[in-house]
Amino acid sequence: MNDHDPLLQGEEMQLYEPDPNARYNLDDAARLIGVSRRLIVLCCKYGLISTVVDPVPAGWSFDGRTVRVLRRVEALRAVCAGNLPVIRMVLKLQAEVERLDTELRFSRRQSHGK
């Protein structure tokens, strides 16, 4: 790191957080995440993500939540050697850990509030 660069001092890079209400077509989602359209289609096929609406009449459309999931998929591809079924399992486990963590925090707040 360059200690003399004012742009780098005390600043952390923040990822663009997509608007959860925004809609992205297949090309825009691929460009935003930096993945191929084919990978997004494969993620749909393996049940990692789904389109916002039926893709046949309306075209492929994704929301901000899907963009975040696709970022996770892209990060896991190197670790899981691109194995989408394994990535699906890891995503399910991550979601379960997050759910349990939320449940535990809620339970702790309830017990401390009494």
N, C-alpha and C. Protein backbone atom coordinates (compact mmCIF):
# COMPACT_ATOMS: atom_id res chain seq x y z
N MET A 1 0.83 -1.18 0.00
CA MET A 1 0.00 0.00 0.00
C MET A 1 0.87 1.23 0.00
N ASN A 2 0.47 2.23 -0.74
CA ASN A 2 1.20 3.47 -0.84
C ASN A 2 0.70 4.42 0.24
N ASP A 3 1.54 4.69 1.26
CA ASP A 3 1.13 5.56 2.36
C ASP A 3 1.05 7.02 1.96
N HIS A 4 1.57 7.35 0.79
CA HIS A 4 1.58 8.75 0.36
C HIS A 4 0.42 9.08 -0.56
N ASP A 5 -0.34 8.12 -0.95
CA ASP A 5 -1.48 8.35 -1.85
C ASP A 5 -2.69 8.76 -1.02
N PRO A 6 -3.17 10.02 -1.14
CA PRO A 6 -4.31 10.46 -0.33
C PRO A 6 -5.59 9.71 -0.64
N LEU A 7 -5.68 9.12 -1.82
CA LEU A 7 -6.88 8.36 -2.16
C LEU A 7 -6.96 7.04 -1.41
N LEU A 8 -5.82 6.53 -0.97
CA LEU A 8 -5.78 5.24 -0.30
C LEU A 8 -5.72 5.35 1.22
N GLN A 9 -5.45 6.53 1.73
CA GLN A 9 -5.30 6.69 3.17
C GLN A 9 -6.66 6.69 3.87
N GLY A 10 -6.84 5.75 4.79
CA GLY A 10 -8.04 5.72 5.61
C GLY A 10 -9.32 5.40 4.86
N GLU A 11 -9.22 4.99 3.65
CA GLU A 11 -10.41 4.69 2.86
C GLU A 11 -10.46 3.20 2.57
N GLU A 12 -11.63 2.62 2.76
CA GLU A 12 -11.85 1.24 2.38
C GLU A 12 -12.71 1.22 1.14
N MET A 13 -12.39 0.32 0.25
CA MET A 13 -13.18 0.21 -0.96
C MET A 13 -14.52 -0.42 -0.61
N GLN A 14 -15.60 0.17 -1.09
CA GLN A 14 -16.92 -0.36 -0.83
C GLN A 14 -17.51 -0.85 -2.14
N LEU A 15 -18.09 -2.05 -2.09
CA LEU A 15 -18.74 -2.60 -3.26
C LEU A 15 -20.04 -1.86 -3.52
N TYR A 16 -20.38 -1.75 -4.77
CA TYR A 16 -21.66 -1.17 -5.14
C TYR A 16 -22.76 -2.09 -4.63
N GLU A 17 -23.69 -1.54 -3.87
CA GLU A 17 -24.82 -2.31 -3.36
C GLU A 17 -26.00 -2.04 -4.28
N PRO A 18 -26.45 -3.06 -4.98
CA PRO A 18 -27.57 -2.84 -5.91
C PRO A 18 -28.85 -2.51 -5.16
N ASP A 19 -29.66 -1.68 -5.76
CA ASP A 19 -30.97 -1.34 -5.22
C ASP A 19 -31.81 -2.60 -5.23
N PRO A 20 -32.36 -3.02 -4.07
CA PRO A 20 -33.13 -4.27 -4.04
C PRO A 20 -34.39 -4.20 -4.89
N ASN A 21 -34.87 -3.00 -5.19
CA ASN A 21 -36.07 -2.85 -6.00
C ASN A 21 -35.78 -2.70 -7.49
N ALA A 22 -34.52 -2.52 -7.83
CA ALA A 22 -34.15 -2.36 -9.24
C ALA A 22 -34.27 -3.69 -9.97
N ARG A 23 -34.43 -3.62 -11.26
CA ARG A 23 -34.48 -4.81 -12.11
C ARG A 23 -33.35 -4.72 -13.13
N TYR A 24 -32.66 -5.84 -13.31
CA TYR A 24 -31.53 -5.91 -14.22
C TYR A 24 -31.80 -6.99 -15.25
N ASN A 25 -31.60 -6.67 -16.53
CA ASN A 25 -31.74 -7.72 -17.53
C ASN A 25 -30.47 -8.57 -17.52
N LEU A 26 -30.47 -9.63 -18.29
CA LEU A 26 -29.37 -10.59 -18.28
C LEU A 26 -28.03 -9.92 -18.60
N ASP A 27 -28.01 -9.08 -19.63
CA ASP A 27 -26.76 -8.41 -20.02
C ASP A 27 -26.26 -7.47 -18.93
N ASP A 28 -27.18 -6.69 -18.36
CA ASP A 28 -26.78 -5.74 -17.30
C ASP A 28 -26.28 -6.47 -16.06
N ALA A 29 -26.95 -7.55 -15.68
CA ALA A 29 -26.52 -8.32 -14.51
C ALA A 29 -25.13 -8.91 -14.75
N ALA A 30 -24.91 -9.47 -15.91
CA ALA A 30 -23.61 -10.05 -16.24
C ALA A 30 -22.51 -9.00 -16.20
N ARG A 31 -22.78 -7.84 -16.76
CA ARG A 31 -21.81 -6.75 -16.79
C ARG A 31 -21.54 -6.22 -15.37
N LEU A 32 -22.59 -6.06 -14.58
CA LEU A 32 -22.47 -5.53 -13.23
C LEU A 32 -21.61 -6.43 -12.34
N ILE A 33 -21.77 -7.73 -12.49
CA ILE A 33 -21.06 -8.69 -11.65
C ILE A 33 -19.72 -9.09 -12.26
N GLY A 34 -19.61 -8.95 -13.57
CA GLY A 34 -18.37 -9.34 -14.24
C GLY A 34 -18.30 -10.82 -14.54
N VAL A 35 -19.47 -11.41 -14.85
CA VAL A 35 -19.54 -12.83 -15.20
C VAL A 35 -20.17 -12.97 -16.58
N SER A 36 -20.13 -14.17 -17.10
CA SER A 36 -20.73 -14.41 -18.41
C SER A 36 -22.24 -14.62 -18.27
N ARG A 37 -22.93 -14.35 -19.36
CA ARG A 37 -24.36 -14.63 -19.39
C ARG A 37 -24.60 -16.13 -19.19
N ARG A 38 -23.72 -16.94 -19.73
CA ARG A 38 -23.84 -18.40 -19.60
C ARG A 38 -23.82 -18.82 -18.13
N LEU A 39 -22.92 -18.22 -17.33
CA LEU A 39 -22.87 -18.57 -15.91
C LEU A 39 -24.20 -18.24 -15.23
N ILE A 40 -24.78 -17.10 -15.56
CA ILE A 40 -26.06 -16.72 -14.95
C ILE A 40 -27.14 -17.73 -15.33
N VAL A 41 -27.16 -18.15 -16.58
CA VAL A 41 -28.14 -19.14 -17.03
C VAL A 41 -27.92 -20.46 -16.28
N LEU A 42 -26.67 -20.87 -16.13
CA LEU A 42 -26.37 -22.10 -15.39
C LEU A 42 -26.80 -21.98 -13.93
N CYS A 43 -26.61 -20.82 -13.34
CA CYS A 43 -27.04 -20.61 -11.95
C CYS A 43 -28.55 -20.76 -11.83
N CYS A 44 -29.27 -20.30 -12.83
CA CYS A 44 -30.73 -20.50 -12.85
C CYS A 44 -31.05 -21.98 -12.97
N LYS A 45 -30.35 -22.66 -13.86
CA LYS A 45 -30.59 -24.09 -14.09
C LYS A 45 -30.36 -24.91 -12.81
N TYR A 46 -29.32 -24.55 -12.04
CA TYR A 46 -29.00 -25.29 -10.83
C TYR A 46 -29.76 -24.79 -9.60
N GLY A 47 -30.65 -23.83 -9.79
CA GLY A 47 -31.48 -23.36 -8.70
C GLY A 47 -30.79 -22.43 -7.72
N LEU A 48 -29.66 -21.86 -8.12
CA LEU A 48 -28.96 -20.92 -7.25
C LEU A 48 -29.67 -19.58 -7.20
N ILE A 49 -30.26 -19.21 -8.32
CA ILE A 49 -31.00 -17.95 -8.44
C ILE A 49 -32.23 -18.21 -9.29
N SER A 50 -33.10 -17.24 -9.31
CA SER A 50 -34.25 -17.32 -10.22
C SER A 50 -34.53 -15.94 -10.77
N THR A 51 -35.23 -15.92 -11.87
CA THR A 51 -35.60 -14.65 -12.48
C THR A 51 -36.75 -14.04 -11.68
N VAL A 52 -36.93 -12.74 -11.82
CA VAL A 52 -38.00 -12.04 -11.12
C VAL A 52 -39.35 -12.44 -11.70
N VAL A 53 -39.40 -12.56 -13.00
CA VAL A 53 -40.63 -12.97 -13.69
C VAL A 53 -40.30 -14.09 -14.66
N ASP A 54 -41.32 -14.71 -15.20
CA ASP A 54 -41.13 -15.78 -16.18
C ASP A 54 -40.31 -15.24 -17.35
N PRO A 55 -39.14 -15.84 -17.62
CA PRO A 55 -38.27 -15.29 -18.65
C PRO A 55 -38.78 -15.43 -20.08
N VAL A 56 -39.73 -16.31 -20.33
CA VAL A 56 -40.16 -16.51 -21.72
C VAL A 56 -40.85 -15.27 -22.29
N PRO A 57 -41.94 -14.78 -21.69
CA PRO A 57 -42.57 -13.62 -22.29
C PRO A 57 -41.88 -12.30 -21.97
N ALA A 58 -41.26 -12.19 -20.79
CA ALA A 58 -40.73 -10.90 -20.35
C ALA A 58 -39.23 -10.76 -20.50
N GLY A 59 -38.53 -11.81 -20.82
CA GLY A 59 -37.08 -11.76 -20.86
C GLY A 59 -36.51 -12.03 -19.47
N TRP A 60 -35.21 -12.22 -19.40
CA TRP A 60 -34.55 -12.51 -18.14
C TRP A 60 -34.43 -11.22 -17.33
N SER A 61 -34.92 -11.24 -16.12
CA SER A 61 -34.89 -10.07 -15.26
C SER A 61 -34.53 -10.50 -13.84
N PHE A 62 -33.61 -9.76 -13.22
CA PHE A 62 -33.11 -10.11 -11.90
C PHE A 62 -33.21 -8.89 -10.99
N ASP A 63 -33.32 -9.15 -9.67
CA ASP A 63 -33.38 -8.05 -8.71
C ASP A 63 -32.06 -7.93 -7.96
N GLY A 64 -31.99 -6.95 -7.05
CA GLY A 64 -30.76 -6.70 -6.30
C GLY A 64 -30.33 -7.87 -5.44
N ARG A 65 -31.29 -8.59 -4.88
CA ARG A 65 -30.98 -9.77 -4.08
C ARG A 65 -30.25 -10.81 -4.93
N THR A 66 -30.73 -11.01 -6.14
CA THR A 66 -30.11 -11.97 -7.05
C THR A 66 -28.69 -11.54 -7.40
N VAL A 67 -28.48 -10.25 -7.60
CA VAL A 67 -27.14 -9.75 -7.90
C VAL A 67 -26.19 -10.07 -6.75
N ARG A 68 -26.65 -9.90 -5.51
CA ARG A 68 -25.81 -10.23 -4.36
C ARG A 68 -25.50 -11.73 -4.32
N VAL A 69 -26.48 -12.57 -4.61
CA VAL A 69 -26.24 -14.02 -4.63
C VAL A 69 -25.23 -14.36 -5.73
N LEU A 70 -25.37 -13.74 -6.88
CA LEU A 70 -24.42 -14.02 -7.97
C LEU A 70 -23.00 -13.60 -7.60
N ARG A 71 -22.87 -12.55 -6.83
CA ARG A 71 -21.53 -12.16 -6.34
C ARG A 71 -20.95 -13.24 -5.45
N ARG A 72 -21.80 -13.80 -4.58
CA ARG A 72 -21.34 -14.90 -3.72
C ARG A 72 -20.94 -16.10 -4.55
N VAL A 73 -21.75 -16.42 -5.56
CA VAL A 73 -21.43 -17.55 -6.44
C VAL A 73 -20.08 -17.33 -7.09
N GLU A 74 -19.85 -16.14 -7.60
CA GLU A 74 -18.59 -15.84 -8.27
C GLU A 74 -17.42 -15.98 -7.30
N ALA A 75 -17.59 -15.53 -6.06
CA ALA A 75 -16.53 -15.66 -5.06
C ALA A 75 -16.27 -17.12 -4.71
N LEU A 76 -17.32 -17.93 -4.70
CA LEU A 76 -17.18 -19.35 -4.34
C LEU A 76 -16.66 -20.22 -5.49
N ARG A 77 -16.77 -19.74 -6.71
CA ARG A 77 -16.36 -20.57 -7.85
C ARG A 77 -14.91 -21.02 -7.75
N ALA A 78 -14.01 -20.15 -7.33
CA ALA A 78 -12.60 -20.53 -7.23
C ALA A 78 -12.39 -21.54 -6.11
N VAL A 79 -13.07 -21.33 -4.99
CA VAL A 79 -12.92 -22.21 -3.83
C VAL A 79 -13.50 -23.59 -4.12
N CYS A 80 -14.61 -23.62 -4.85
CA CYS A 80 -15.33 -24.88 -5.11
C CYS A 80 -15.04 -25.44 -6.49
N ALA A 81 -14.00 -24.96 -7.12
CA ALA A 81 -13.59 -25.43 -8.45
C ALA A 81 -14.73 -25.36 -9.47
N GLY A 82 -15.58 -24.34 -9.33
CA GLY A 82 -16.66 -24.14 -10.29
C GLY A 82 -17.80 -25.14 -10.18
N ASN A 83 -17.82 -25.96 -9.14
CA ASN A 83 -18.83 -26.99 -8.97
C ASN A 83 -20.13 -26.37 -8.45
N LEU A 84 -21.09 -26.13 -9.33
CA LEU A 84 -22.32 -25.43 -8.96
C LEU A 84 -23.16 -26.18 -7.94
N PRO A 85 -23.28 -27.51 -7.99
CA PRO A 85 -24.01 -28.20 -6.91
C PRO A 85 -23.37 -27.99 -5.53
N VAL A 86 -22.05 -27.96 -5.47
CA VAL A 86 -21.36 -27.70 -4.21
C VAL A 86 -21.61 -26.26 -3.77
N ILE A 87 -21.55 -25.34 -4.71
CA ILE A 87 -21.82 -23.93 -4.41
C ILE A 87 -23.25 -23.78 -3.87
N ARG A 88 -24.21 -24.49 -4.47
CA ARG A 88 -25.59 -24.44 -3.98
C ARG A 88 -25.66 -24.90 -2.53
N MET A 89 -24.94 -25.97 -2.20
CA MET A 89 -24.92 -26.47 -0.83
C MET A 89 -24.30 -25.44 0.12
N VAL A 90 -23.20 -24.81 -0.28
CA VAL A 90 -22.54 -23.80 0.55
C VAL A 90 -23.48 -22.62 0.77
N LEU A 91 -24.17 -22.17 -0.27
CA LEU A 91 -25.11 -21.06 -0.12
C LEU A 91 -26.24 -21.40 0.84
N LYS A 92 -26.74 -22.63 0.75
CA LYS A 92 -27.79 -23.05 1.68
C LYS A 92 -27.27 -23.06 3.11
N LEU A 93 -26.06 -23.55 3.31
CA LEU A 93 -25.47 -23.57 4.65
C LEU A 93 -25.24 -22.15 5.17
N GLN A 94 -24.78 -21.25 4.31
CA GLN A 94 -24.59 -19.86 4.72
C GLN A 94 -25.92 -19.23 5.13
N ALA A 95 -26.97 -19.50 4.37
CA ALA A 95 -28.29 -18.96 4.69
C ALA A 95 -28.78 -19.50 6.03
N GLU A 96 -28.54 -20.78 6.28
CA GLU A 96 -28.95 -21.39 7.54
C GLU A 96 -28.18 -20.79 8.71
N VAL A 97 -26.89 -20.57 8.54
CA VAL A 97 -26.08 -19.94 9.60
C VAL A 97 -26.60 -18.54 9.88
N GLU A 98 -26.91 -17.77 8.84
CA GLU A 98 -27.45 -16.42 9.02
C GLU A 98 -28.79 -16.47 9.75
N ARG A 99 -29.65 -17.42 9.40
CA ARG A 99 -30.95 -17.56 10.05
C ARG A 99 -30.78 -17.89 11.52
N LEU A 100 -29.89 -18.84 11.82
CA LEU A 100 -29.66 -19.23 13.21
C LEU A 100 -29.04 -18.09 14.01
N ASP A 101 -28.15 -17.33 13.39
CA ASP A 101 -27.54 -16.18 14.06
C ASP A 101 -28.60 -15.14 14.41
N THR A 102 -29.50 -14.88 13.48
CA THR A 102 -30.59 -13.94 13.73
C THR A 102 -31.48 -14.44 14.86
N GLU A 103 -31.80 -15.71 14.82
CA GLU A 103 -32.63 -16.32 15.86
C GLU A 103 -31.94 -16.22 17.23
N LEU A 104 -30.66 -16.47 17.28
CA LEU A 104 -29.91 -16.41 18.53
C LEU A 104 -29.88 -14.99 19.08
N ARG A 105 -29.62 -14.01 18.22
CA ARG A 105 -29.61 -12.61 18.66
C ARG A 105 -30.97 -12.20 19.20
N PHE A 106 -32.04 -12.61 18.53
CA PHE A 106 -33.38 -12.30 18.99
C PHE A 106 -33.63 -12.93 20.36
N SER A 107 -33.24 -14.18 20.50
CA SER A 107 -33.42 -14.90 21.76
C SER A 107 -32.65 -14.23 22.89
N ARG A 108 -31.44 -13.80 22.62
CA ARG A 108 -30.62 -13.12 23.63
C ARG A 108 -31.25 -11.78 24.05
N ARG A 109 -31.78 -11.05 23.07
CA ARG A 109 -32.44 -9.77 23.40
C ARG A 109 -33.66 -10.02 24.27
N GLN A 110 -34.40 -11.08 23.97
CA GLN A 110 -35.60 -11.41 24.76
C GLN A 110 -35.23 -11.78 26.19
N SER A 111 -34.18 -12.56 26.36
CA SER A 111 -33.79 -13.01 27.70
C SER A 111 -33.18 -11.88 28.51
N HIS A 112 -32.48 -10.93 27.87
CA HIS A 112 -31.89 -9.80 28.58
C HIS A 112 -32.94 -8.74 28.92
N GLY A 113 -34.02 -8.72 28.18
CA GLY A 113 -35.06 -7.73 28.39
C GLY A 113 -35.99 -8.07 29.54
N LYS A 114 -35.91 -9.29 30.03
CA LYS A 114 -36.83 -9.73 31.11
C LYS A 114 -36.33 -9.35 32.47
